[in-house]
Amino acid sequence: MKAKTIILLASALFIAGAIAALYPQAHFTSERLTEGFETGFGGWDPDADVPIDPNTGGPVDWDVARSTDVSRSGMYSMKLFIDGRQDDGAVWIERKLLLKEGARRVNITFGLYSQSESFNTIAVVCAYAGFEDPEREGDLSVLAPANEVAGWKRYSLVVNIDGGKAQELWVAAGISVRWETCMTYYLDDITVEVT
């Protein structure tokens, strides 16, 4: 090969690699994104909207962390904790995706683990799909009571969107307090499908 051809080929490969780096797995129109938290947060970030604790003057305690306490598959799940004694607050995980042109529908499905079944609504399962970063408890849609069963249960949110042009989409899943107590739930095997 001539030196000029080699340089052109190398340049083309470099440009292709640079373009691929700018468009990671989260750019899609008809794709399925799954996460089981086996190797980290997988691009998901913790977030919360919590009240002030009148005893301390600061926000109530909350935490989102990977855990091996219980899992739906593999060894890890996401542990969601909140001090709900103020009868308020929500914790969730969220992720930003970049939609390509033409996306019309988002389906978020995930497993949530409750340590016990209860006829009282201790917390509710919530999720979100939309074009704004969810920052408030009220931004998330309530799916069902979190204590419908002792163990794992699948939950799902389907949202129709207008993805006429490429834009950012936010998705989230978590819990919202409904009873005055400290609470822990586990989330695993989250799937986001965009069609």
N, C-alpha and C. Protein backbone atom coordinates (compact mmCIF):
# COMPACT_ATOMS: atom_id res chain seq x y z
N MET A 1 0.84 -1.19 0.00
CA MET A 1 0.00 0.00 0.00
C MET A 1 0.87 1.24 0.00
N LYS A 2 0.36 2.23 -0.62
CA LYS A 2 1.08 3.49 -0.64
C LYS A 2 0.89 4.20 0.70
N ALA A 3 1.84 5.02 1.05
CA ALA A 3 1.79 5.75 2.31
C ALA A 3 0.54 6.62 2.39
N LYS A 4 0.16 7.24 1.28
CA LYS A 4 -1.01 8.12 1.26
C LYS A 4 -2.28 7.32 1.57
N THR A 5 -2.40 6.11 1.01
CA THR A 5 -3.57 5.26 1.26
C THR A 5 -3.62 4.84 2.73
N ILE A 6 -2.49 4.49 3.30
CA ILE A 6 -2.44 4.09 4.71
C ILE A 6 -2.85 5.25 5.61
N ILE A 7 -2.38 6.44 5.31
CA ILE A 7 -2.74 7.61 6.11
C ILE A 7 -4.23 7.90 6.01
N LEU A 8 -4.80 7.79 4.81
CA LEU A 8 -6.24 8.01 4.63
C LEU A 8 -7.06 6.96 5.39
N LEU A 9 -6.62 5.71 5.33
CA LEU A 9 -7.31 4.62 6.03
C LEU A 9 -7.24 4.83 7.54
N ALA A 10 -6.07 5.19 8.04
CA ALA A 10 -5.90 5.44 9.47
C ALA A 10 -6.76 6.61 9.92
N SER A 11 -6.81 7.66 9.10
CA SER A 11 -7.64 8.82 9.43
C SER A 11 -9.11 8.45 9.48
N ALA A 12 -9.57 7.65 8.52
CA ALA A 12 -10.97 7.22 8.49
C ALA A 12 -11.32 6.40 9.73
N LEU A 13 -10.43 5.50 10.13
CA LEU A 13 -10.66 4.69 11.34
C LEU A 13 -10.70 5.56 12.59
N PHE A 14 -9.82 6.55 12.65
CA PHE A 14 -9.80 7.46 13.80
C PHE A 14 -11.11 8.24 13.89
N ILE A 15 -11.58 8.76 12.76
CA ILE A 15 -12.84 9.52 12.74
C ILE A 15 -14.02 8.63 13.12
N ALA A 16 -14.05 7.41 12.59
CA ALA A 16 -15.13 6.48 12.94
C ALA A 16 -15.13 6.18 14.43
N GLY A 17 -13.94 5.99 15.02
CA GLY A 17 -13.85 5.75 16.46
C GLY A 17 -14.32 6.93 17.27
N ALA A 18 -13.96 8.13 16.83
CA ALA A 18 -14.39 9.34 17.53
C ALA A 18 -15.91 9.49 17.49
N ILE A 19 -16.50 9.21 16.34
CA ILE A 19 -17.96 9.29 16.22
C ILE A 19 -18.63 8.25 17.11
N ALA A 20 -18.10 7.03 17.15
CA ALA A 20 -18.66 5.98 18.00
C ALA A 20 -18.60 6.38 19.47
N ALA A 21 -17.53 7.05 19.88
CA ALA A 21 -17.39 7.49 21.27
C ALA A 21 -18.43 8.55 21.63
N LEU A 22 -18.83 9.36 20.66
CA LEU A 22 -19.83 10.38 20.90
C LEU A 22 -21.25 9.82 20.98
N TYR A 23 -21.45 8.63 20.45
CA TYR A 23 -22.78 8.02 20.43
C TYR A 23 -22.75 6.68 21.15
N PRO A 24 -22.75 6.70 22.50
CA PRO A 24 -22.70 5.46 23.26
C PRO A 24 -24.03 4.72 23.22
N GLN A 25 -24.10 3.63 23.95
CA GLN A 25 -25.25 2.73 23.99
C GLN A 25 -26.57 3.45 24.28
N ALA A 26 -26.55 4.58 24.96
CA ALA A 26 -27.77 5.25 25.37
C ALA A 26 -28.46 6.03 24.26
N HIS A 27 -27.95 6.03 23.04
CA HIS A 27 -28.58 6.71 21.91
C HIS A 27 -29.37 5.67 21.11
N PHE A 28 -30.69 5.78 21.09
CA PHE A 28 -31.45 4.78 20.35
C PHE A 28 -32.86 5.25 20.03
N THR A 29 -33.48 4.58 19.07
CA THR A 29 -34.90 4.76 18.82
C THR A 29 -35.66 3.47 19.10
N SER A 30 -35.17 2.34 18.67
CA SER A 30 -35.84 1.06 18.90
C SER A 30 -34.84 0.12 19.55
N GLU A 31 -34.63 0.32 20.81
CA GLU A 31 -33.63 -0.45 21.53
C GLU A 31 -34.16 -0.88 22.88
N ARG A 32 -33.40 -1.76 23.49
CA ARG A 32 -33.72 -2.26 24.82
C ARG A 32 -32.47 -2.11 25.68
N LEU A 33 -32.58 -1.36 26.75
CA LEU A 33 -31.49 -1.13 27.68
C LEU A 33 -31.82 -1.88 28.97
N THR A 34 -30.93 -2.77 29.42
CA THR A 34 -31.18 -3.52 30.65
C THR A 34 -30.04 -3.28 31.63
N GLU A 35 -30.36 -3.33 32.92
CA GLU A 35 -29.34 -3.16 33.95
C GLU A 35 -29.69 -4.01 35.17
N GLY A 36 -28.71 -4.79 35.62
CA GLY A 36 -28.86 -5.61 36.81
C GLY A 36 -27.90 -5.22 37.92
N PHE A 37 -27.13 -4.14 37.73
CA PHE A 37 -26.24 -3.57 38.73
C PHE A 37 -25.13 -4.52 39.19
N GLU A 38 -24.74 -5.43 38.30
CA GLU A 38 -23.69 -6.40 38.66
C GLU A 38 -22.30 -5.78 38.65
N THR A 39 -22.08 -4.74 37.86
CA THR A 39 -20.74 -4.15 37.78
C THR A 39 -20.73 -2.67 38.14
N GLY A 40 -21.74 -2.20 38.80
CA GLY A 40 -21.81 -0.79 39.19
C GLY A 40 -23.21 -0.26 39.01
N PHE A 41 -23.33 1.05 38.94
CA PHE A 41 -24.63 1.70 38.79
C PHE A 41 -25.13 1.65 37.35
N GLY A 42 -24.27 1.30 36.40
CA GLY A 42 -24.68 1.15 35.01
C GLY A 42 -25.21 2.41 34.37
N GLY A 43 -24.71 3.56 34.79
CA GLY A 43 -25.18 4.82 34.20
C GLY A 43 -26.36 5.44 34.94
N TRP A 44 -26.89 4.75 35.94
CA TRP A 44 -28.00 5.28 36.73
C TRP A 44 -27.43 6.08 37.91
N ASP A 45 -28.12 7.17 38.27
CA ASP A 45 -27.69 8.01 39.39
C ASP A 45 -28.77 8.06 40.46
N PRO A 46 -28.36 8.09 41.74
CA PRO A 46 -29.36 8.24 42.81
C PRO A 46 -29.87 9.66 42.91
N ASP A 47 -31.13 9.81 43.30
CA ASP A 47 -31.71 11.13 43.53
C ASP A 47 -32.83 11.00 44.55
N ALA A 48 -33.24 12.11 45.13
CA ALA A 48 -34.27 12.09 46.17
C ALA A 48 -34.92 13.46 46.30
N ASP A 49 -36.10 13.45 46.84
CA ASP A 49 -36.79 14.66 47.27
C ASP A 49 -37.28 14.35 48.67
N VAL A 50 -36.59 14.89 49.69
CA VAL A 50 -36.89 14.52 51.08
C VAL A 50 -37.21 15.75 51.91
N PRO A 51 -38.01 15.55 52.97
CA PRO A 51 -38.36 16.67 53.84
C PRO A 51 -37.24 16.96 54.86
N ILE A 52 -37.41 18.04 55.58
CA ILE A 52 -36.50 18.40 56.67
C ILE A 52 -36.92 17.65 57.93
N ASP A 53 -35.94 17.13 58.65
CA ASP A 53 -36.18 16.49 59.95
C ASP A 53 -36.22 17.60 61.00
N PRO A 54 -37.37 17.81 61.69
CA PRO A 54 -37.46 18.90 62.65
C PRO A 54 -36.52 18.73 63.85
N ASN A 55 -36.06 17.50 64.09
CA ASN A 55 -35.16 17.26 65.22
C ASN A 55 -33.73 17.68 64.91
N THR A 56 -33.33 17.65 63.64
CA THR A 56 -31.95 17.98 63.28
C THR A 56 -31.85 19.27 62.47
N GLY A 57 -32.94 19.68 61.85
CA GLY A 57 -32.91 20.85 60.98
C GLY A 57 -32.34 20.58 59.61
N GLY A 58 -31.95 19.31 59.34
CA GLY A 58 -31.41 18.93 58.04
C GLY A 58 -32.34 17.95 57.35
N PRO A 59 -32.03 17.60 56.11
CA PRO A 59 -32.85 16.63 55.39
C PRO A 59 -32.86 15.28 56.10
N VAL A 60 -33.96 14.54 55.99
CA VAL A 60 -34.02 13.21 56.58
C VAL A 60 -33.00 12.31 55.89
N ASP A 61 -32.59 11.26 56.58
CA ASP A 61 -31.61 10.33 56.02
C ASP A 61 -32.21 9.55 54.86
N TRP A 62 -31.41 9.36 53.83
CA TRP A 62 -31.78 8.52 52.70
C TRP A 62 -30.50 8.00 52.07
N ASP A 63 -30.62 6.90 51.33
CA ASP A 63 -29.44 6.34 50.68
C ASP A 63 -29.89 5.43 49.54
N VAL A 64 -29.11 5.44 48.48
CA VAL A 64 -29.27 4.52 47.37
C VAL A 64 -27.90 3.90 47.13
N ALA A 65 -27.82 2.56 47.23
CA ALA A 65 -26.52 1.90 47.11
C ALA A 65 -26.68 0.50 46.54
N ARG A 66 -25.64 0.01 45.88
CA ARG A 66 -25.64 -1.39 45.44
C ARG A 66 -25.55 -2.28 46.68
N SER A 67 -26.22 -3.43 46.59
CA SER A 67 -26.29 -4.32 47.75
C SER A 67 -26.31 -5.78 47.32
N THR A 68 -25.76 -6.64 48.17
CA THR A 68 -25.86 -8.08 47.98
C THR A 68 -26.86 -8.69 48.96
N ASP A 69 -27.63 -7.86 49.67
CA ASP A 69 -28.61 -8.37 50.64
C ASP A 69 -29.61 -9.32 49.99
N VAL A 70 -30.13 -8.91 48.85
CA VAL A 70 -31.12 -9.69 48.11
C VAL A 70 -31.05 -9.25 46.65
N SER A 71 -31.26 -10.17 45.73
CA SER A 71 -31.24 -9.79 44.32
C SER A 71 -32.26 -10.64 43.57
N ARG A 72 -32.75 -10.09 42.47
CA ARG A 72 -33.69 -10.82 41.63
C ARG A 72 -32.95 -11.74 40.68
N SER A 73 -31.80 -11.30 40.20
CA SER A 73 -30.92 -12.13 39.40
C SER A 73 -29.49 -11.67 39.67
N GLY A 74 -28.51 -12.51 39.44
CA GLY A 74 -27.15 -12.15 39.76
C GLY A 74 -26.95 -12.04 41.26
N MET A 75 -25.97 -11.22 41.64
CA MET A 75 -25.65 -11.06 43.06
C MET A 75 -26.05 -9.71 43.64
N TYR A 76 -26.29 -8.71 42.78
CA TYR A 76 -26.50 -7.35 43.26
C TYR A 76 -27.89 -6.82 42.91
N SER A 77 -28.33 -5.89 43.72
CA SER A 77 -29.52 -5.09 43.43
C SER A 77 -29.24 -3.68 43.93
N MET A 78 -30.19 -2.78 43.75
CA MET A 78 -30.05 -1.42 44.23
C MET A 78 -30.91 -1.29 45.49
N LYS A 79 -30.27 -0.94 46.60
CA LYS A 79 -30.95 -0.78 47.89
C LYS A 79 -31.42 0.67 48.04
N LEU A 80 -32.73 0.84 48.27
CA LEU A 80 -33.32 2.17 48.45
C LEU A 80 -33.75 2.32 49.90
N PHE A 81 -33.16 3.27 50.62
CA PHE A 81 -33.51 3.51 52.02
C PHE A 81 -33.95 4.95 52.19
N ILE A 82 -34.98 5.15 53.03
CA ILE A 82 -35.40 6.51 53.40
C ILE A 82 -35.99 6.48 54.81
N ASP A 83 -35.66 7.50 55.59
CA ASP A 83 -36.30 7.72 56.88
C ASP A 83 -37.62 8.41 56.61
N GLY A 84 -38.70 7.64 56.66
CA GLY A 84 -40.02 8.16 56.32
C GLY A 84 -40.82 8.64 57.51
N ARG A 85 -40.17 8.86 58.65
CA ARG A 85 -40.92 9.23 59.85
C ARG A 85 -41.60 10.59 59.76
N GLN A 86 -41.25 11.39 58.74
CA GLN A 86 -41.95 12.66 58.52
C GLN A 86 -43.13 12.48 57.55
N ASP A 87 -43.41 11.20 57.21
CA ASP A 87 -44.55 10.86 56.34
C ASP A 87 -44.45 11.57 54.98
N ASP A 88 -43.21 11.66 54.46
CA ASP A 88 -43.01 12.37 53.20
C ASP A 88 -41.66 11.97 52.62
N GLY A 89 -41.51 12.16 51.31
CA GLY A 89 -40.23 11.96 50.66
C GLY A 89 -40.24 10.83 49.66
N ALA A 90 -39.25 10.86 48.77
CA ALA A 90 -39.11 9.82 47.75
C ALA A 90 -37.63 9.66 47.41
N VAL A 91 -37.23 8.44 47.06
CA VAL A 91 -35.88 8.16 46.57
C VAL A 91 -36.01 7.36 45.29
N TRP A 92 -35.07 7.59 44.36
CA TRP A 92 -35.15 6.90 43.08
C TRP A 92 -33.79 6.85 42.42
N ILE A 93 -33.71 6.08 41.35
CA ILE A 93 -32.56 6.13 40.46
C ILE A 93 -33.04 6.70 39.13
N GLU A 94 -32.14 7.42 38.46
CA GLU A 94 -32.52 8.07 37.21
C GLU A 94 -31.38 7.96 36.21
N ARG A 95 -31.75 8.11 34.96
CA ARG A 95 -30.76 8.04 33.89
C ARG A 95 -31.23 8.90 32.72
N LYS A 96 -30.27 9.54 32.06
CA LYS A 96 -30.57 10.35 30.88
C LYS A 96 -30.19 9.54 29.64
N LEU A 97 -31.06 9.56 28.64
CA LEU A 97 -30.82 8.91 27.35
C LEU A 97 -30.95 9.96 26.26
N LEU A 98 -30.28 9.75 25.17
CA LEU A 98 -30.46 10.64 24.02
C LEU A 98 -31.21 9.88 22.94
N LEU A 99 -32.42 10.32 22.68
CA LEU A 99 -33.26 9.67 21.67
C LEU A 99 -32.90 10.15 20.28
N LYS A 100 -32.89 9.24 19.35
CA LYS A 100 -32.78 9.63 17.95
C LYS A 100 -34.17 9.99 17.44
N GLU A 101 -34.21 10.57 16.31
CA GLU A 101 -35.46 10.98 15.69
C GLU A 101 -36.41 9.80 15.50
N GLY A 102 -37.69 10.01 15.81
CA GLY A 102 -38.70 9.01 15.53
C GLY A 102 -39.18 8.18 16.71
N ALA A 103 -38.60 8.33 17.89
CA ALA A 103 -39.04 7.56 19.06
C ALA A 103 -40.46 7.96 19.45
N ARG A 104 -41.29 6.99 19.80
CA ARG A 104 -42.70 7.27 20.10
C ARG A 104 -43.19 6.75 21.45
N ARG A 105 -42.52 5.74 22.00
CA ARG A 105 -43.05 5.13 23.23
C ARG A 105 -41.90 4.64 24.09
N VAL A 106 -42.04 4.81 25.42
CA VAL A 106 -41.04 4.34 26.39
C VAL A 106 -41.73 3.39 27.36
N ASN A 107 -41.11 2.25 27.61
CA ASN A 107 -41.62 1.28 28.58
C ASN A 107 -40.50 0.99 29.58
N ILE A 108 -40.73 1.33 30.85
CA ILE A 108 -39.78 1.04 31.92
C ILE A 108 -40.35 -0.09 32.75
N THR A 109 -39.57 -1.17 32.92
CA THR A 109 -39.99 -2.32 33.71
C THR A 109 -38.88 -2.65 34.69
N PHE A 110 -39.25 -3.00 35.92
CA PHE A 110 -38.25 -3.32 36.93
C PHE A 110 -38.87 -4.18 38.03
N GLY A 111 -38.00 -4.87 38.76
CA GLY A 111 -38.43 -5.64 39.91
C GLY A 111 -38.20 -4.85 41.18
N LEU A 112 -39.16 -4.89 42.11
CA LEU A 112 -39.01 -4.25 43.42
C LEU A 112 -39.25 -5.31 44.49
N TYR A 113 -38.36 -5.33 45.47
CA TYR A 113 -38.45 -6.30 46.57
C TYR A 113 -38.94 -5.61 47.83
N SER A 114 -40.01 -6.17 48.41
CA SER A 114 -40.53 -5.72 49.69
C SER A 114 -40.29 -6.82 50.71
N GLN A 115 -39.84 -6.44 51.90
CA GLN A 115 -39.54 -7.44 52.92
C GLN A 115 -40.80 -8.08 53.50
N SER A 116 -41.94 -7.40 53.35
CA SER A 116 -43.18 -7.95 53.89
C SER A 116 -44.38 -7.47 53.09
N GLU A 117 -45.44 -8.27 53.16
CA GLU A 117 -46.72 -7.86 52.57
C GLU A 117 -47.49 -7.07 53.62
N SER A 118 -48.24 -6.06 53.19
CA SER A 118 -49.01 -5.26 54.14
C SER A 118 -50.26 -4.72 53.46
N PHE A 119 -51.35 -4.71 54.22
CA PHE A 119 -52.57 -4.09 53.72
C PHE A 119 -52.49 -2.58 53.85
N ASN A 120 -51.60 -2.09 54.73
CA ASN A 120 -51.35 -0.66 54.83
C ASN A 120 -50.42 -0.25 53.69
N THR A 121 -50.62 0.92 53.16
CA THR A 121 -49.73 1.43 52.11
C THR A 121 -48.56 2.15 52.79
N ILE A 122 -47.46 1.43 52.95
CA ILE A 122 -46.27 1.96 53.62
C ILE A 122 -45.49 2.87 52.67
N ALA A 123 -45.39 2.44 51.43
CA ALA A 123 -44.74 3.23 50.38
C ALA A 123 -45.41 2.86 49.07
N VAL A 124 -45.18 3.67 48.05
CA VAL A 124 -45.67 3.35 46.71
C VAL A 124 -44.48 3.24 45.76
N VAL A 125 -44.65 2.42 44.74
CA VAL A 125 -43.67 2.27 43.68
C VAL A 125 -43.94 3.38 42.67
N CYS A 126 -42.87 4.03 42.21
CA CYS A 126 -43.07 5.12 41.27
C CYS A 126 -42.03 5.06 40.16
N ALA A 127 -42.35 5.68 39.03
CA ALA A 127 -41.44 5.71 37.89
C ALA A 127 -41.70 6.97 37.07
N TYR A 128 -40.79 7.22 36.12
CA TYR A 128 -40.89 8.45 35.34
C TYR A 128 -40.25 8.24 33.98
N ALA A 129 -40.83 8.85 32.96
CA ALA A 129 -40.21 8.97 31.64
C ALA A 129 -40.67 10.31 31.08
N GLY A 130 -39.73 11.17 30.74
CA GLY A 130 -40.09 12.49 30.22
C GLY A 130 -38.85 13.27 29.81
N PHE A 131 -39.08 14.48 29.37
CA PHE A 131 -38.01 15.30 28.80
C PHE A 131 -37.32 16.21 29.82
N GLU A 132 -37.81 16.25 31.05
CA GLU A 132 -37.19 17.05 32.11
C GLU A 132 -36.59 16.13 33.16
N ASP A 133 -35.50 16.56 33.78
CA ASP A 133 -34.89 15.82 34.88
C ASP A 133 -35.86 15.83 36.06
N PRO A 134 -36.31 14.65 36.54
CA PRO A 134 -37.25 14.63 37.68
C PRO A 134 -36.53 15.09 38.95
N GLU A 135 -37.07 16.11 39.58
CA GLU A 135 -36.44 16.66 40.79
C GLU A 135 -37.36 16.62 42.01
N ARG A 136 -38.66 16.45 41.78
CA ARG A 136 -39.63 16.47 42.88
C ARG A 136 -40.38 15.15 42.94
N GLU A 137 -40.81 14.80 44.14
CA GLU A 137 -41.60 13.58 44.35
C GLU A 137 -42.79 13.54 43.40
N GLY A 138 -43.44 14.68 43.21
CA GLY A 138 -44.61 14.75 42.36
C GLY A 138 -44.34 14.57 40.88
N ASP A 139 -43.07 14.61 40.48
CA ASP A 139 -42.73 14.40 39.07
C ASP A 139 -42.91 12.94 38.66
N LEU A 140 -42.80 12.04 39.63
CA LEU A 140 -42.88 10.60 39.33
C LEU A 140 -44.32 10.11 39.39
N SER A 141 -44.66 9.16 38.52
CA SER A 141 -46.00 8.56 38.49
C SER A 141 -46.07 7.41 39.49
N VAL A 142 -47.16 7.37 40.26
CA VAL A 142 -47.38 6.28 41.20
C VAL A 142 -47.89 5.07 40.44
N LEU A 143 -47.24 3.91 40.63
CA LEU A 143 -47.63 2.69 39.93
C LEU A 143 -48.51 1.78 40.78
N ALA A 144 -48.16 1.60 42.06
CA ALA A 144 -48.89 0.68 42.93
C ALA A 144 -48.30 0.75 44.33
N PRO A 145 -49.01 0.19 45.34
CA PRO A 145 -48.40 0.06 46.67
C PRO A 145 -47.16 -0.83 46.60
N ALA A 146 -46.15 -0.50 47.41
CA ALA A 146 -44.89 -1.24 47.38
C ALA A 146 -44.93 -2.54 48.16
N ASN A 147 -45.93 -2.74 49.00
CA ASN A 147 -46.00 -3.93 49.85
C ASN A 147 -47.13 -4.86 49.43
N GLU A 148 -47.36 -4.99 48.13
CA GLU A 148 -48.41 -5.90 47.66
C GLU A 148 -48.05 -7.36 47.91
N VAL A 149 -46.77 -7.67 47.90
CA VAL A 149 -46.30 -9.03 48.17
C VAL A 149 -45.04 -8.96 49.02
N ALA A 150 -44.73 -10.06 49.69
CA ALA A 150 -43.44 -10.21 50.36
C ALA A 150 -42.51 -10.85 49.33
N GLY A 151 -41.51 -10.13 48.90
CA GLY A 151 -40.60 -10.65 47.87
C GLY A 151 -40.60 -9.74 46.66
N TRP A 152 -40.24 -10.33 45.52
CA TRP A 152 -40.10 -9.55 44.28
C TRP A 152 -41.42 -9.46 43.52
N LYS A 153 -41.66 -8.29 42.93
CA LYS A 153 -42.78 -8.09 42.03
C LYS A 153 -42.33 -7.15 40.91
N ARG A 154 -42.80 -7.40 39.68
CA ARG A 154 -42.46 -6.56 38.53
C ARG A 154 -43.46 -5.42 38.41
N TYR A 155 -42.94 -4.25 38.06
CA TYR A 155 -43.75 -3.06 37.84
C TYR A 155 -43.35 -2.45 36.50
N SER A 156 -44.28 -1.71 35.92
CA SER A 156 -44.02 -1.17 34.58
C SER A 156 -44.72 0.17 34.40
N LEU A 157 -44.07 1.06 33.66
CA LEU A 157 -44.66 2.34 33.26
C LEU A 157 -44.47 2.48 31.76
N VAL A 158 -45.56 2.76 31.05
CA VAL A 158 -45.50 3.00 29.61
C VAL A 158 -45.92 4.44 29.36
N VAL A 159 -45.09 5.19 28.61
CA VAL A 159 -45.36 6.59 28.33
C VAL A 159 -45.21 6.82 26.83
N ASN A 160 -46.23 7.42 26.23
CA ASN A 160 -46.14 7.83 24.82
C ASN A 160 -45.43 9.18 24.77
N ILE A 161 -44.48 9.29 23.85
CA ILE A 161 -43.69 10.51 23.74
C ILE A 161 -43.71 11.00 22.30
N ASP A 162 -43.36 12.24 22.13
CA ASP A 162 -43.22 12.80 20.78
C ASP A 162 -41.73 12.98 20.53
N GLY A 163 -41.12 11.97 19.96
CA GLY A 163 -39.69 12.03 19.68
C GLY A 163 -39.42 12.41 18.25
N GLY A 164 -40.11 13.41 17.75
CA GLY A 164 -39.97 13.83 16.37
C GLY A 164 -38.57 14.26 16.00
N LYS A 165 -37.82 14.73 16.98
CA LYS A 165 -36.43 15.11 16.72
C LYS A 165 -35.56 14.53 17.83
N ALA A 166 -34.27 14.46 17.60
CA ALA A 166 -33.35 13.95 18.61
C ALA A 166 -33.40 14.84 19.84
N GLN A 167 -33.51 14.24 21.00
CA GLN A 167 -33.57 15.00 22.24
C GLN A 167 -33.28 14.12 23.43
N GLU A 168 -33.08 14.74 24.59
CA GLU A 168 -32.80 13.99 25.81
C GLU A 168 -34.08 13.47 26.41
N LEU A 169 -34.00 12.28 26.96
CA LEU A 169 -35.11 11.67 27.68
C LEU A 169 -34.59 11.22 29.04
N TRP A 170 -35.36 11.49 30.08
CA TRP A 170 -35.02 11.03 31.43
C TRP A 170 -35.94 9.89 31.81
N VAL A 171 -35.38 8.87 32.47
CA VAL A 171 -36.18 7.78 33.02
C VAL A 171 -35.77 7.59 34.48
N ALA A 172 -36.72 7.15 35.31
CA ALA A 172 -36.45 6.98 36.73
C ALA A 172 -37.36 5.91 37.31
N ALA A 173 -36.94 5.32 38.43
CA ALA A 173 -37.74 4.33 39.16
C ALA A 173 -37.35 4.38 40.63
N GLY A 174 -38.35 4.25 41.51
CA GLY A 174 -38.05 4.29 42.94
C GLY A 174 -39.28 4.11 43.80
N ILE A 175 -39.22 4.69 45.00
CA ILE A 175 -40.31 4.58 45.97
C ILE A 175 -40.63 5.95 46.56
N SER A 176 -41.88 6.07 47.05
CA SER A 176 -42.35 7.29 47.69
C SER A 176 -43.03 6.93 48.99
N VAL A 177 -42.74 7.65 50.06
CA VAL A 177 -43.22 7.36 51.41
C VAL A 177 -44.72 7.60 51.55
N ARG A 178 -45.39 6.69 52.26
CA ARG A 178 -46.81 6.86 52.59
C ARG A 178 -47.11 6.52 54.05
N TRP A 179 -46.10 6.14 54.84
CA TRP A 179 -46.30 5.74 56.24
C TRP A 179 -45.13 6.26 57.05
N GLU A 180 -45.36 6.61 58.28
CA GLU A 180 -44.33 7.22 59.13
C GLU A 180 -43.39 6.17 59.73
N THR A 181 -42.44 5.72 58.92
CA THR A 181 -41.47 4.74 59.39
C THR A 181 -40.24 4.76 58.49
N CYS A 182 -39.12 4.24 59.00
CA CYS A 182 -37.95 4.04 58.15
C CYS A 182 -38.22 2.84 57.25
N MET A 183 -37.76 2.89 56.01
CA MET A 183 -38.09 1.80 55.09
C MET A 183 -36.95 1.52 54.13
N THR A 184 -36.84 0.24 53.75
CA THR A 184 -35.84 -0.21 52.80
C THR A 184 -36.50 -1.12 51.77
N TYR A 185 -36.24 -0.86 50.50
CA TYR A 185 -36.71 -1.70 49.40
C TYR A 185 -35.53 -1.94 48.47
N TYR A 186 -35.67 -2.92 47.59
CA TYR A 186 -34.60 -3.25 46.65
C TYR A 186 -35.15 -3.24 45.24
N LEU A 187 -34.38 -2.71 44.31
CA LEU A 187 -34.78 -2.61 42.91
C LEU A 187 -33.74 -3.35 42.07
N ASP A 188 -34.21 -4.13 41.07
CA ASP A 188 -33.29 -4.91 40.25
C ASP A 188 -33.90 -5.14 38.87
N ASP A 189 -33.03 -5.56 37.95
CA ASP A 189 -33.44 -5.95 36.59
C ASP A 189 -34.32 -4.90 35.93
N ILE A 190 -33.79 -3.69 35.80
CA ILE A 190 -34.54 -2.62 35.17
C ILE A 190 -34.31 -2.66 33.66
N THR A 191 -35.40 -2.51 32.92
CA THR A 191 -35.35 -2.53 31.46
C THR A 191 -36.05 -1.28 30.93
N VAL A 192 -35.42 -0.61 29.98
CA VAL A 192 -36.02 0.54 29.30
C VAL A 192 -36.10 0.18 27.82
N GLU A 193 -37.31 0.17 27.28
CA GLU A 193 -37.51 -0.10 25.85
C GLU A 193 -38.07 1.15 25.20
N VAL A 194 -37.45 1.58 24.13
CA VAL A 194 -37.93 2.74 23.38
C VAL A 194 -38.24 2.28 21.96
N THR A 195 -39.46 2.57 21.50
CA THR A 195 -39.86 2.17 20.15
C THR A 195 -40.43 3.36 19.41
